[in-house]
Amino acid sequence: MTAVLQNYQARMRRVLDHIDRHLDADLDLDSLSGVAAFSKFHFHRQFTATFGLSVYRYVQLARMKRASYRLAYGDAVGVTDIAMDAGYDAPDAFARAFRQRFGQSPSSFQKSPDWEPWLAALGPLDNARSKLMQTNFTADDVTIRDVPTTKVAIMEHRGAPARLGDTIRRFIAWRKAAGLHPSSSPTFTVWRSERRPSMPADYSVDLCAGTEHPIAANGEAMRAGEIPGGRCAVLRVVGYTDNLEPAALFLYRDWFPASGEEARDFPLYCQRLSFFPEVPEHETVAELFLPLK
């Protein structure tokens, strides 16, 4: 990649970061073109050509994604407050836009999300962001770390990836009831299958919360386990950590064959260090761990 293209992408990435950081603000073309230091007369076409979305649609989808996360995963926040945060002056206008986008009213989505239309509606946003995701990892980004064994409470997800959101909702509710806040109880995801297995029913993920205390199931299928200690290759990923597949591919396809290391008999896993929408998406942080002998 040439220095000119790198500079161009950096300026566009600066725009996305600014949008994520200022979703509550008036994100007009003049201000965004100024962030990128591009001519306001050409910026809209440049943005659309780069991301496949107009500026207006990108901002609308980013606001709707944050609103949907607050409805699905947050505390019982009122729809009116979420509507205001999404840039709507009235809850009914927000409700109409939300239903048009996701096929459910905000209150219905809050109670029982229908994930298939939600994933489809946000697909263009995820595709746009993937164009500038950090994929240029190097061997210098990987560190070898001796990690301690961590006892965890485990909630298993077995089945279609599209239903993972329901398991995450139950996991969040369980850890709140157990008093295991992410600030004091580390959060891990252990992948026990491919991200896209040939049969969706074979998709397998463990959601884990670190705890030394006895586990009270509270009506959920929880079990005790551990993240084993030992040497690990660690790759830190900053921003848009919904999709860690590019980072995982780098570890397996590029770093591992050239490292001379051997893998231990434990799957790839990650520790999530910050969460959207508590922080803007470009500030979320996760670390990928590849256990080594």
C-alpha atoms as a PDB file:
ATOM      1  CA  MET A   1       0.000   0.000   0.000  1.00  0.00           C
ATOM      2  CA  THR A   2       1.373   3.397  -0.983  1.00  0.00           C
ATOM      3  CA  ALA A   3       1.897   6.208   1.503  1.00  0.00           C
ATOM      4  CA  VAL A   4      -0.717   8.273  -0.342  1.00  0.00           C
ATOM      5  CA  LEU A   5      -3.355   5.537   0.015  1.00  0.00           C
ATOM      6  CA  GLN A   6      -2.445   4.998   3.670  1.00  0.00           C
ATOM      7  CA  ASN A   7      -2.927   8.701   4.303  1.00  0.00           C
ATOM      8  CA  TYR A   8      -6.277   8.659   2.504  1.00  0.00           C
ATOM      9  CA  GLN A   9      -7.528   5.698   4.549  1.00  0.00           C
ATOM     10  CA  ALA A  10      -6.283   7.262   7.780  1.00  0.00           C
ATOM     11  CA  ARG A  11      -8.318  10.389   7.034  1.00  0.00           C
ATOM     12  CA  MET A  12     -11.422   8.317   6.320  1.00  0.00           C
ATOM     13  CA  ARG A  13     -10.860   6.268   9.473  1.00  0.00           C
ATOM     14  CA  ARG A  14     -10.645   9.551  11.385  1.00  0.00           C
ATOM     15  CA  VAL A  15     -14.149  10.364  10.126  1.00  0.00           C
ATOM     16  CA  LEU A  16     -15.557   7.026  11.330  1.00  0.00           C
ATOM     17  CA  ASP A  17     -13.939   7.508  14.737  1.00  0.00           C
ATOM     18  CA  HIS A  18     -15.390  11.016  14.959  1.00  0.00           C
ATOM     19  CA  ILE A  19     -18.871   9.736  14.099  1.00  0.00           C
ATOM     20  CA  ASP A  20     -18.663   6.999  16.742  1.00  0.00           C
ATOM     21  CA  ARG A  21     -17.473   9.477  19.338  1.00  0.00           C
ATOM     22  CA  HIS A  22     -20.139  12.086  18.517  1.00  0.00           C
ATOM     23  CA  LEU A  23     -23.296  10.126  17.729  1.00  0.00           C
ATOM     24  CA  ASP A  24     -25.255  12.577  19.883  1.00  0.00           C
ATOM     25  CA  ALA A  25     -24.025  15.593  17.905  1.00  0.00           C
ATOM     26  CA  ASP A  26     -25.092  17.185  14.624  1.00  0.00           C
ATOM     27  CA  LEU A  27     -22.994  15.242  12.139  1.00  0.00           C
ATOM     28  CA  ASP A  28     -23.411  17.284   8.976  1.00  0.00           C
ATOM     29  CA  LEU A  29     -21.330  17.140   5.823  1.00  0.00           C
ATOM     30  CA  ASP A  30     -19.486  20.373   6.549  1.00  0.00           C
ATOM     31  CA  SER A  31     -18.204  19.213   9.934  1.00  0.00           C
ATOM     32  CA  LEU A  32     -17.299  15.700   8.740  1.00  0.00           C
ATOM     33  CA  SER A  33     -15.486  16.903   5.637  1.00  0.00           C
ATOM     34  CA  GLY A  34     -13.516  19.193   7.943  1.00  0.00           C
ATOM     35  CA  VAL A  35     -12.525  16.233  10.135  1.00  0.00           C
ATOM     36  CA  ALA A  36     -11.194  14.456   7.052  1.00  0.00           C
ATOM     37  CA  ALA A  37      -9.686  17.637   5.632  1.00  0.00           C
ATOM     38  CA  PHE A  38     -11.433  16.986   2.316  1.00  0.00           C
ATOM     39  CA  SER A  39     -13.352  19.435   0.155  1.00  0.00           C
ATOM     40  CA  LYS A  40     -16.978  19.554   1.259  1.00  0.00           C
ATOM     41  CA  PHE A  41     -18.000  19.575  -2.413  1.00  0.00           C
ATOM     42  CA  HIS A  42     -16.527  16.111  -3.006  1.00  0.00           C
ATOM     43  CA  PHE A  43     -16.545  14.507   0.442  1.00  0.00           C
ATOM     44  CA  HIS A  44     -19.998  12.909   0.167  1.00  0.00           C
ATOM     45  CA  ARG A  45     -19.071  11.106  -3.075  1.00  0.00           C
ATOM     46  CA  GLN A  46     -15.695  10.085  -1.640  1.00  0.00           C
ATOM     47  CA  PHE A  47     -17.352   8.649   1.476  1.00  0.00           C
ATOM     48  CA  THR A  48     -19.966   6.737  -0.538  1.00  0.00           C
ATOM     49  CA  ALA A  49     -17.339   5.389  -2.931  1.00  0.00           C
ATOM     50  CA  THR A  50     -15.164   4.203  -0.037  1.00  0.00           C
ATOM     51  CA  PHE A  51     -17.827   2.651   2.193  1.00  0.00           C
ATOM     52  CA  GLY A  52     -20.759   1.870  -0.091  1.00  0.00           C
ATOM     53  CA  LEU A  53     -23.034   3.971   2.115  1.00  0.00           C
ATOM     54  CA  SER A  54     -23.963   7.625   2.113  1.00  0.00           C
ATOM     55  CA  VAL A  55     -22.865   9.667   5.114  1.00  0.00           C
ATOM     56  CA  TYR A  56     -26.500  10.055   6.193  1.00  0.00           C
ATOM     57  CA  ARG A  57     -27.215   6.315   6.071  1.00  0.00           C
ATOM     58  CA  TYR A  58     -23.969   5.447   7.825  1.00  0.00           C
ATOM     59  CA  VAL A  59     -24.745   7.825  10.703  1.00  0.00           C
ATOM     60  CA  GLN A  60     -28.339   6.587  10.916  1.00  0.00           C
ATOM     61  CA  LEU A  61     -27.242   2.950  11.066  1.00  0.00           C
ATOM     62  CA  ALA A  62     -24.556   3.696  13.671  1.00  0.00           C
ATOM     63  CA  ARG A  63     -27.150   5.431  15.867  1.00  0.00           C
ATOM     64  CA  MET A  64     -29.632   2.598  15.385  1.00  0.00           C
ATOM     65  CA  LYS A  65     -27.000   0.000  16.274  1.00  0.00           C
ATOM     66  CA  ARG A  66     -26.192   1.788  19.523  1.00  0.00           C
ATOM     67  CA  ALA A  67     -29.900   2.127  20.306  1.00  0.00           C
ATOM     68  CA  SER A  68     -30.497  -1.574  19.630  1.00  0.00           C
ATOM     69  CA  TYR A  69     -27.592  -2.577  21.887  1.00  0.00           C
ATOM     70  CA  ARG A  70     -28.981  -0.448  24.691  1.00  0.00           C
ATOM     71  CA  LEU A  71     -32.385  -2.041  24.251  1.00  0.00           C
ATOM     72  CA  ALA A  72     -31.110  -5.620  24.008  1.00  0.00           C
ATOM     73  CA  TYR A  73     -28.216  -5.639  26.450  1.00  0.00           C
ATOM     74  CA  GLY A  74     -28.506  -2.593  28.689  1.00  0.00           C
ATOM     75  CA  ASP A  75     -30.463  -1.947  31.837  1.00  0.00           C
ATOM     76  CA  ALA A  76     -34.185  -1.263  31.492  1.00  0.00           C
ATOM     77  CA  VAL A  77     -33.703   2.163  29.923  1.00  0.00           C
ATOM     78  CA  GLY A  78     -36.806   4.006  28.742  1.00  0.00           C
ATOM     79  CA  VAL A  79     -37.440   4.087  25.004  1.00  0.00           C
ATOM     80  CA  THR A  80     -37.828   7.871  25.178  1.00  0.00           C
ATOM     81  CA  ASP A  81     -34.268   8.315  26.458  1.00  0.00           C
ATOM     82  CA  ILE A  82     -32.908   5.965  23.807  1.00  0.00           C
ATOM     83  CA  ALA A  83     -34.870   7.801  21.100  1.00  0.00           C
ATOM     84  CA  MET A  84     -33.332  11.111  22.154  1.00  0.00           C
ATOM     85  CA  ASP A  85     -29.840   9.571  22.147  1.00  0.00           C
ATOM     86  CA  ALA A  86     -30.505   8.282  18.623  1.00  0.00           C
ATOM     87  CA  GLY A  87     -31.209  11.823  17.412  1.00  0.00           C
ATOM     88  CA  TYR A  88     -35.018  11.710  17.337  1.00  0.00           C
ATOM     89  CA  ASP A  89     -37.155  14.466  18.847  1.00  0.00           C
ATOM     90  CA  ALA A  90     -40.077  12.166  19.619  1.00  0.00           C
ATOM     91  CA  PRO A  91     -40.390   8.479  20.603  1.00  0.00           C
ATOM     92  CA  ASP A  92     -42.989   7.775  17.901  1.00  0.00           C
ATOM     93  CA  ALA A  93     -40.643   8.946  15.133  1.00  0.00           C
ATOM     94  CA  PHE A  94     -37.894   6.749  16.568  1.00  0.00           C
ATOM     95  CA  ALA A  95     -40.295   3.804  16.840  1.00  0.00           C
ATOM     96  CA  ARG A  96     -41.322   4.150  13.196  1.00  0.00           C
ATOM     97  CA  ALA A  97     -37.711   4.317  12.022  1.00  0.00           C
ATOM     98  CA  PHE A  98     -36.704   1.393  14.275  1.00  0.00           C
ATOM     99  CA  ARG A  99     -39.556  -0.792  13.035  1.00  0.00           C
ATOM    100  CA  GLN A 100     -38.777   0.082   9.426  1.00  0.00           C
ATOM    101  CA  ARG A 101     -35.135  -0.864   9.960  1.00  0.00           C
ATOM    102  CA  PHE A 102     -35.455  -3.977  12.145  1.00  0.00           C
ATOM    103  CA  GLY A 103     -39.049  -5.168  11.705  1.00  0.00           C
ATOM    104  CA  GLN A 104     -39.908  -4.747  15.404  1.00  0.00           C
ATOM    105  CA  SER A 105     -40.961  -1.924  17.654  1.00  0.00           C
ATOM    106  CA  PRO A 106     -38.294  -0.809  20.168  1.00  0.00           C
ATOM    107  CA  SER A 107     -40.323  -2.187  23.083  1.00  0.00           C
ATOM    108  CA  SER A 108     -40.801  -5.541  21.352  1.00  0.00           C
ATOM    109  CA  PHE A 109     -37.101  -5.738  20.503  1.00  0.00           C
ATOM    110  CA  GLN A 110     -36.211  -4.913  24.110  1.00  0.00           C
ATOM    111  CA  LYS A 111     -38.308  -7.844  25.331  1.00  0.00           C
ATOM    112  CA  SER A 112     -37.441 -10.417  22.668  1.00  0.00           C
ATOM    113  CA  PRO A 113     -35.139  -9.443  19.790  1.00  0.00           C
ATOM    114  CA  ASP A 114     -35.619 -11.009  16.383  1.00  0.00           C
ATOM    115  CA  TRP A 115     -31.957 -11.337  15.446  1.00  0.00           C
ATOM    116  CA  GLU A 116     -32.181 -12.319  11.774  1.00  0.00           C
ATOM    117  CA  PRO A 117     -33.656  -8.989  10.526  1.00  0.00           C
ATOM    118  CA  TRP A 118     -31.342  -7.145  12.926  1.00  0.00           C
ATOM    119  CA  LEU A 119     -28.243  -8.816  11.493  1.00  0.00           C
ATOM    120  CA  ALA A 120     -29.433  -8.182   7.943  1.00  0.00           C
ATOM    121  CA  ALA A 121     -30.188  -4.506   8.613  1.00  0.00           C
ATOM    122  CA  LEU A 122     -26.770  -3.861  10.158  1.00  0.00           C
ATOM    123  CA  GLY A 123     -24.873  -5.832   7.530  1.00  0.00           C
ATOM    124  CA  PRO A 124     -24.117  -2.748   5.364  1.00  0.00           C
ATOM    125  CA  LEU A 125     -22.706  -0.943   8.416  1.00  0.00           C
ATOM    126  CA  ASP A 126     -20.450  -3.857   9.326  1.00  0.00           C
ATOM    127  CA  ASN A 127     -19.329  -4.185   5.695  1.00  0.00           C
ATOM    128  CA  ALA A 128     -18.499  -0.482   5.556  1.00  0.00           C
ATOM    129  CA  ARG A 129     -16.420  -0.632   8.721  1.00  0.00           C
ATOM    130  CA  SER A 130     -14.611  -3.780   7.624  1.00  0.00           C
ATOM    131  CA  LYS A 131     -13.102  -1.854   4.723  1.00  0.00           C
ATOM    132  CA  LEU A 132     -10.877   0.046   7.152  1.00  0.00           C
ATOM    133  CA  MET A 133     -10.542  -2.502   9.952  1.00  0.00           C
ATOM    134  CA  GLN A 134      -7.095  -3.193  11.320  1.00  0.00           C
ATOM    135  CA  THR A 135      -5.928  -6.079   9.147  1.00  0.00           C
ATOM    136  CA  ASN A 136      -2.291  -5.087   8.699  1.00  0.00           C
ATOM    137  CA  PHE A 137      -1.041  -6.922  11.791  1.00  0.00           C
ATOM    138  CA  THR A 138       2.644  -7.740  12.004  1.00  0.00           C
ATOM    139  CA  ALA A 139       4.659 -10.183  14.085  1.00  0.00           C
ATOM    140  CA  ASP A 140       5.624  -7.274  16.340  1.00  0.00           C
ATOM    141  CA  ASP A 141       1.965  -6.982  17.396  1.00  0.00           C
ATOM    142  CA  VAL A 142       2.077 -10.458  18.970  1.00  0.00           C
ATOM    143  CA  THR A 143       3.557 -10.958  22.430  1.00  0.00           C
ATOM    144  CA  ILE A 144       4.260 -14.183  24.323  1.00  0.00           C
ATOM    145  CA  ARG A 145       2.754 -13.999  27.773  1.00  0.00           C
ATOM    146  CA  ASP A 146       2.575 -16.367  30.738  1.00  0.00           C
ATOM    147  CA  VAL A 147      -1.017 -16.129  31.927  1.00  0.00           C
ATOM    148  CA  PRO A 148      -2.394 -17.426  35.232  1.00  0.00           C
ATOM    149  CA  THR A 149      -5.148 -19.999  35.472  1.00  0.00           C
ATOM    150  CA  THR A 150      -8.511 -18.255  35.885  1.00  0.00           C
ATOM    151  CA  LYS A 151     -11.529 -19.974  37.391  1.00  0.00           C
ATOM    152  CA  VAL A 152     -14.683 -19.067  35.498  1.00  0.00           C
ATOM    153  CA  ALA A 153     -18.421 -19.562  35.373  1.00  0.00           C
ATOM    154  CA  ILE A 154     -19.397 -20.822  31.924  1.00  0.00           C
ATOM    155  CA  MET A 155     -22.565 -20.428  29.909  1.00  0.00           C
ATOM    156  CA  GLU A 156     -22.466 -22.502  26.748  1.00  0.00           C
ATOM    157  CA  HIS A 157     -23.923 -21.439  23.425  1.00  0.00           C
ATOM    158  CA  ARG A 158     -24.599 -24.348  21.120  1.00  0.00           C
ATOM    159  CA  GLY A 159     -26.463 -23.726  17.886  1.00  0.00           C
ATOM    160  CA  ALA A 160     -26.983 -21.158  15.169  1.00  0.00           C
ATOM    161  CA  PRO A 161     -24.704 -18.084  15.399  1.00  0.00           C
ATOM    162  CA  ALA A 162     -27.733 -15.863  14.798  1.00  0.00           C
ATOM    163  CA  ARG A 163     -29.080 -16.923  18.198  1.00  0.00           C
ATOM    164  CA  LEU A 164     -25.920 -15.962  20.085  1.00  0.00           C
ATOM    165  CA  GLY A 165     -27.537 -12.654  21.062  1.00  0.00           C
ATOM    166  CA  ASP A 166     -30.104 -14.515  23.177  1.00  0.00           C
ATOM    167  CA  THR A 167     -27.332 -16.342  25.035  1.00  0.00           C
ATOM    168  CA  ILE A 168     -25.474 -13.074  25.589  1.00  0.00           C
ATOM    169  CA  ARG A 169     -28.650 -11.528  27.071  1.00  0.00           C
ATOM    170  CA  ARG A 170     -29.028 -14.445  29.465  1.00  0.00           C
ATOM    171  CA  PHE A 171     -25.329 -14.319  30.351  1.00  0.00           C
ATOM    172  CA  ILE A 172     -25.502 -10.597  31.139  1.00  0.00           C
ATOM    173  CA  ALA A 173     -28.625 -11.110  33.272  1.00  0.00           C
ATOM    174  CA  TRP A 174     -26.994 -13.996  35.134  1.00  0.00           C
ATOM    175  CA  ARG A 175     -23.775 -12.159  35.943  1.00  0.00           C
ATOM    176  CA  LYS A 176     -25.740  -9.108  37.124  1.00  0.00           C
ATOM    177  CA  ALA A 177     -27.716 -11.339  39.487  1.00  0.00           C
ATOM    178  CA  ALA A 178     -24.455 -12.936  40.640  1.00  0.00           C
ATOM    179  CA  GLY A 179     -22.811  -9.540  41.219  1.00  0.00           C
ATOM    180  CA  LEU A 180     -20.008 -10.272  38.745  1.00  0.00           C
ATOM    181  CA  HIS A 181     -19.511  -6.906  37.074  1.00  0.00           C
ATOM    182  CA  PRO A 182     -17.003  -6.871  34.170  1.00  0.00           C
ATOM    183  CA  SER A 183     -14.891  -4.300  36.030  1.00  0.00           C
ATOM    184  CA  SER A 184     -14.069  -6.885  38.711  1.00  0.00           C
ATOM    185  CA  SER A 185     -14.809 -10.174  36.925  1.00  0.00           C
ATOM    186  CA  PRO A 186     -12.880 -10.744  33.669  1.00  0.00           C
ATOM    187  CA  THR A 187     -14.921 -11.637  30.599  1.00  0.00           C
ATOM    188  CA  PHE A 188     -13.793 -14.352  28.193  1.00  0.00           C
ATOM    189  CA  THR A 189     -15.118 -15.885  24.985  1.00  0.00           C
ATOM    190  CA  VAL A 190     -13.856 -19.360  24.085  1.00  0.00           C
ATOM    191  CA  TRP A 191     -14.468 -20.491  20.497  1.00  0.00           C
ATOM    192  CA  ARG A 192     -14.975 -24.245  20.274  1.00  0.00           C
ATOM    193  CA  SER A 193     -15.951 -24.273  16.601  1.00  0.00           C
ATOM    194  CA  GLU A 194     -15.360 -22.328  13.407  1.00  0.00           C
ATOM    195  CA  ARG A 195     -17.030 -18.925  13.167  1.00  0.00           C
ATOM    196  CA  ARG A 196     -19.057 -20.191  10.209  1.00  0.00           C
ATOM    197  CA  PRO A 197     -19.326 -24.003  10.456  1.00  0.00           C
ATOM    198  CA  SER A 198     -20.851 -25.850   7.518  1.00  0.00           C
ATOM    199  CA  MET A 199     -23.825 -26.693   9.731  1.00  0.00           C
ATOM    200  CA  PRO A 200     -25.009 -23.698  11.816  1.00  0.00           C
ATOM    201  CA  ALA A 201     -26.134 -26.091  14.545  1.00  0.00           C
ATOM    202  CA  ASP A 202     -22.462 -26.988  15.091  1.00  0.00           C
ATOM    203  CA  TYR A 203     -21.535 -23.461  16.159  1.00  0.00           C
ATOM    204  CA  SER A 204     -20.118 -23.643  19.701  1.00  0.00           C
ATOM    205  CA  VAL A 205     -18.983 -20.836  22.016  1.00  0.00           C
ATOM    206  CA  ASP A 206     -18.446 -20.535  25.773  1.00  0.00           C
ATOM    207  CA  LEU A 207     -19.206 -17.230  27.506  1.00  0.00           C
ATOM    208  CA  CYS A 208     -17.165 -16.984  30.704  1.00  0.00           C
ATOM    209  CA  ALA A 209     -17.013 -14.730  33.761  1.00  0.00           C
ATOM    210  CA  GLY A 210     -14.078 -15.007  36.124  1.00  0.00           C
ATOM    211  CA  THR A 211     -14.989 -15.910  39.685  1.00  0.00           C
ATOM    212  CA  GLU A 212     -13.464 -17.731  42.651  1.00  0.00           C
ATOM    213  CA  HIS A 213     -16.846 -18.155  44.344  1.00  0.00           C
ATOM    214  CA  PRO A 214     -19.255 -21.110  44.180  1.00  0.00           C
ATOM    215  CA  ILE A 215     -21.580 -20.763  41.214  1.00  0.00           C
ATOM    216  CA  ALA A 216     -25.276 -20.266  41.822  1.00  0.00           C
ATOM    217  CA  ALA A 217     -27.053 -21.210  38.606  1.00  0.00           C
ATOM    218  CA  ASN A 218     -30.152 -19.087  39.334  1.00  0.00           C
ATOM    219  CA  GLY A 219     -32.163 -21.007  36.777  1.00  0.00           C
ATOM    220  CA  GLU A 220     -29.467 -21.020  34.108  1.00  0.00           C
ATOM    221  CA  ALA A 221     -27.317 -23.879  32.825  1.00  0.00           C
ATOM    222  CA  MET A 222     -24.083 -22.630  34.360  1.00  0.00           C
ATOM    223  CA  ARG A 223     -21.031 -24.723  35.096  1.00  0.00           C
ATOM    224  CA  ALA A 224     -17.670 -24.149  36.687  1.00  0.00           C
ATOM    225  CA  GLY A 225     -14.513 -24.310  34.618  1.00  0.00           C
ATOM    226  CA  GLU A 226     -11.236 -22.556  34.070  1.00  0.00           C
ATOM    227  CA  ILE A 227      -9.143 -20.741  31.522  1.00  0.00           C
ATOM    228  CA  PRO A 228      -5.872 -22.701  31.831  1.00  0.00           C
ATOM    229  CA  GLY A 229      -2.682 -20.874  32.615  1.00  0.00           C
ATOM    230  CA  GLY A 230       0.516 -21.098  30.645  1.00  0.00           C
ATOM    231  CA  ARG A 231       2.267 -19.557  27.675  1.00  0.00           C
ATOM    232  CA  CYS A 232       0.062 -17.799  25.132  1.00  0.00           C
ATOM    233  CA  ALA A 233       0.540 -15.752  21.992  1.00  0.00           C
ATOM    234  CA  VAL A 234      -1.455 -12.585  22.587  1.00  0.00           C
ATOM    235  CA  LEU A 235      -2.756 -10.175  19.961  1.00  0.00           C
ATOM    236  CA  ARG A 236      -4.437  -6.971  21.129  1.00  0.00           C
ATOM    237  CA  VAL A 237      -7.241  -5.627  18.923  1.00  0.00           C
ATOM    238  CA  VAL A 238      -8.545  -2.085  19.313  1.00  0.00           C
ATOM    239  CA  GLY A 239     -11.787  -1.031  17.679  1.00  0.00           C
ATOM    240  CA  TYR A 240     -14.783  -2.807  16.131  1.00  0.00           C
ATOM    241  CA  THR A 241     -14.209  -5.998  18.096  1.00  0.00           C
ATOM    242  CA  ASP A 242     -17.530  -7.559  17.035  1.00  0.00           C
ATOM    243  CA  ASN A 243     -15.585  -9.373  14.331  1.00  0.00           C
ATOM    244  CA  LEU A 244     -12.251 -10.771  15.489  1.00  0.00           C
ATOM    245  CA  GLU A 245     -11.924 -13.142  12.548  1.00  0.00           C
ATOM    246  CA  PRO A 246      -9.244 -11.071  10.737  1.00  0.00           C
ATOM    247  CA  ALA A 247      -7.102 -11.089  13.883  1.00  0.00           C
ATOM    248  CA  ALA A 248      -7.637 -14.829  14.390  1.00  0.00           C
ATOM    249  CA  LEU A 249      -6.704 -15.520  10.767  1.00  0.00           C
ATOM    250  CA  PHE A 250      -3.517 -13.522  11.180  1.00  0.00           C
ATOM    251  CA  LEU A 251      -2.534 -15.564  14.253  1.00  0.00           C
ATOM    252  CA  TYR A 252      -3.245 -18.930  12.615  1.00  0.00           C
ATOM    253  CA  ARG A 253      -2.309 -18.248   9.002  1.00  0.00           C
ATOM    254  CA  ASP A 254       0.590 -15.799   9.272  1.00  0.00           C
ATOM    255  CA  TRP A 255       2.111 -15.634  12.741  1.00  0.00           C
ATOM    256  CA  PHE A 256       1.853 -19.236  13.943  1.00  0.00           C
ATOM    257  CA  PRO A 257       3.510 -21.059  10.968  1.00  0.00           C
ATOM    258  CA  ALA A 258       6.499 -18.705  11.110  1.00  0.00           C
ATOM    259  CA  SER A 259       6.831 -18.709  14.904  1.00  0.00           C
ATOM    260  CA  GLY A 260       8.266 -22.190  15.440  1.00  0.00           C
ATOM    261  CA  GLU A 261       5.810 -22.611  18.320  1.00  0.00           C
ATOM    262  CA  GLU A 262       3.477 -25.523  19.037  1.00  0.00           C
ATOM    263  CA  ALA A 263      -0.117 -25.068  20.171  1.00  0.00           C
ATOM    264  CA  ARG A 264      -1.577 -26.479  23.366  1.00  0.00           C
ATOM    265  CA  ASP A 265      -4.798 -28.478  23.408  1.00  0.00           C
ATOM    266  CA  PHE A 266      -7.092 -25.574  24.252  1.00  0.00           C
ATOM    267  CA  PRO A 267      -9.057 -23.423  21.810  1.00  0.00           C
ATOM    268  CA  LEU A 268      -8.389 -19.858  20.772  1.00  0.00           C
ATOM    269  CA  TYR A 269     -10.082 -17.461  23.181  1.00  0.00           C
ATOM    270  CA  CYS A 270     -10.358 -13.772  23.869  1.00  0.00           C
ATOM    271  CA  GLN A 271     -10.681 -11.498  26.849  1.00  0.00           C
ATOM    272  CA  ARG A 272     -12.914  -8.503  26.310  1.00  0.00           C
ATOM    273  CA  LEU A 273     -11.510  -5.479  28.105  1.00  0.00           C
ATOM    274  CA  SER A 274     -14.096  -2.849  27.145  1.00  0.00           C
ATOM    275  CA  PHE A 275     -17.591  -2.997  25.773  1.00  0.00           C
ATOM    276  CA  PHE A 276     -19.848  -1.179  23.318  1.00  0.00           C
ATOM    277  CA  PRO A 277     -21.930   0.927  23.919  1.00  0.00           C
ATOM    278  CA  GLU A 278     -20.182   1.765  27.219  1.00  0.00           C
ATOM    279  CA  VAL A 279     -17.368   3.079  25.016  1.00  0.00           C
ATOM    280  CA  PRO A 280     -17.537   4.073  21.321  1.00  0.00           C
ATOM    281  CA  GLU A 281     -17.004   1.118  19.008  1.00  0.00           C
ATOM    282  CA  HIS A 282     -13.612   2.284  17.806  1.00  0.00           C
ATOM    283  CA  GLU A 283     -12.412   2.295  21.438  1.00  0.00           C
ATOM    284  CA  THR A 284     -13.456  -1.260  22.315  1.00  0.00           C
ATOM    285  CA  VAL A 285     -10.525  -3.526  23.203  1.00  0.00           C
ATOM    286  CA  ALA A 286     -10.112  -7.288  23.100  1.00  0.00           C
ATOM    287  CA  GLU A 287      -7.099  -9.566  23.401  1.00  0.00           C
ATOM    288  CA  LEU A 288      -6.851 -12.835  21.483  1.00  0.00           C
ATOM    289  CA  PHE A 289      -5.011 -15.721  23.189  1.00  0.00           C
ATOM    290  CA  LEU A 290      -3.500 -18.664  21.314  1.00  0.00           C
ATOM    291  CA  PRO A 291      -2.338 -21.194  23.967  1.00  0.00           C
ATOM    292  CA  LEU A 292       1.206 -22.487  23.365  1.00  0.00           C
ATOM    293  CA  LYS A 293       3.257 -25.372  24.727  1.00  0.00           C
END
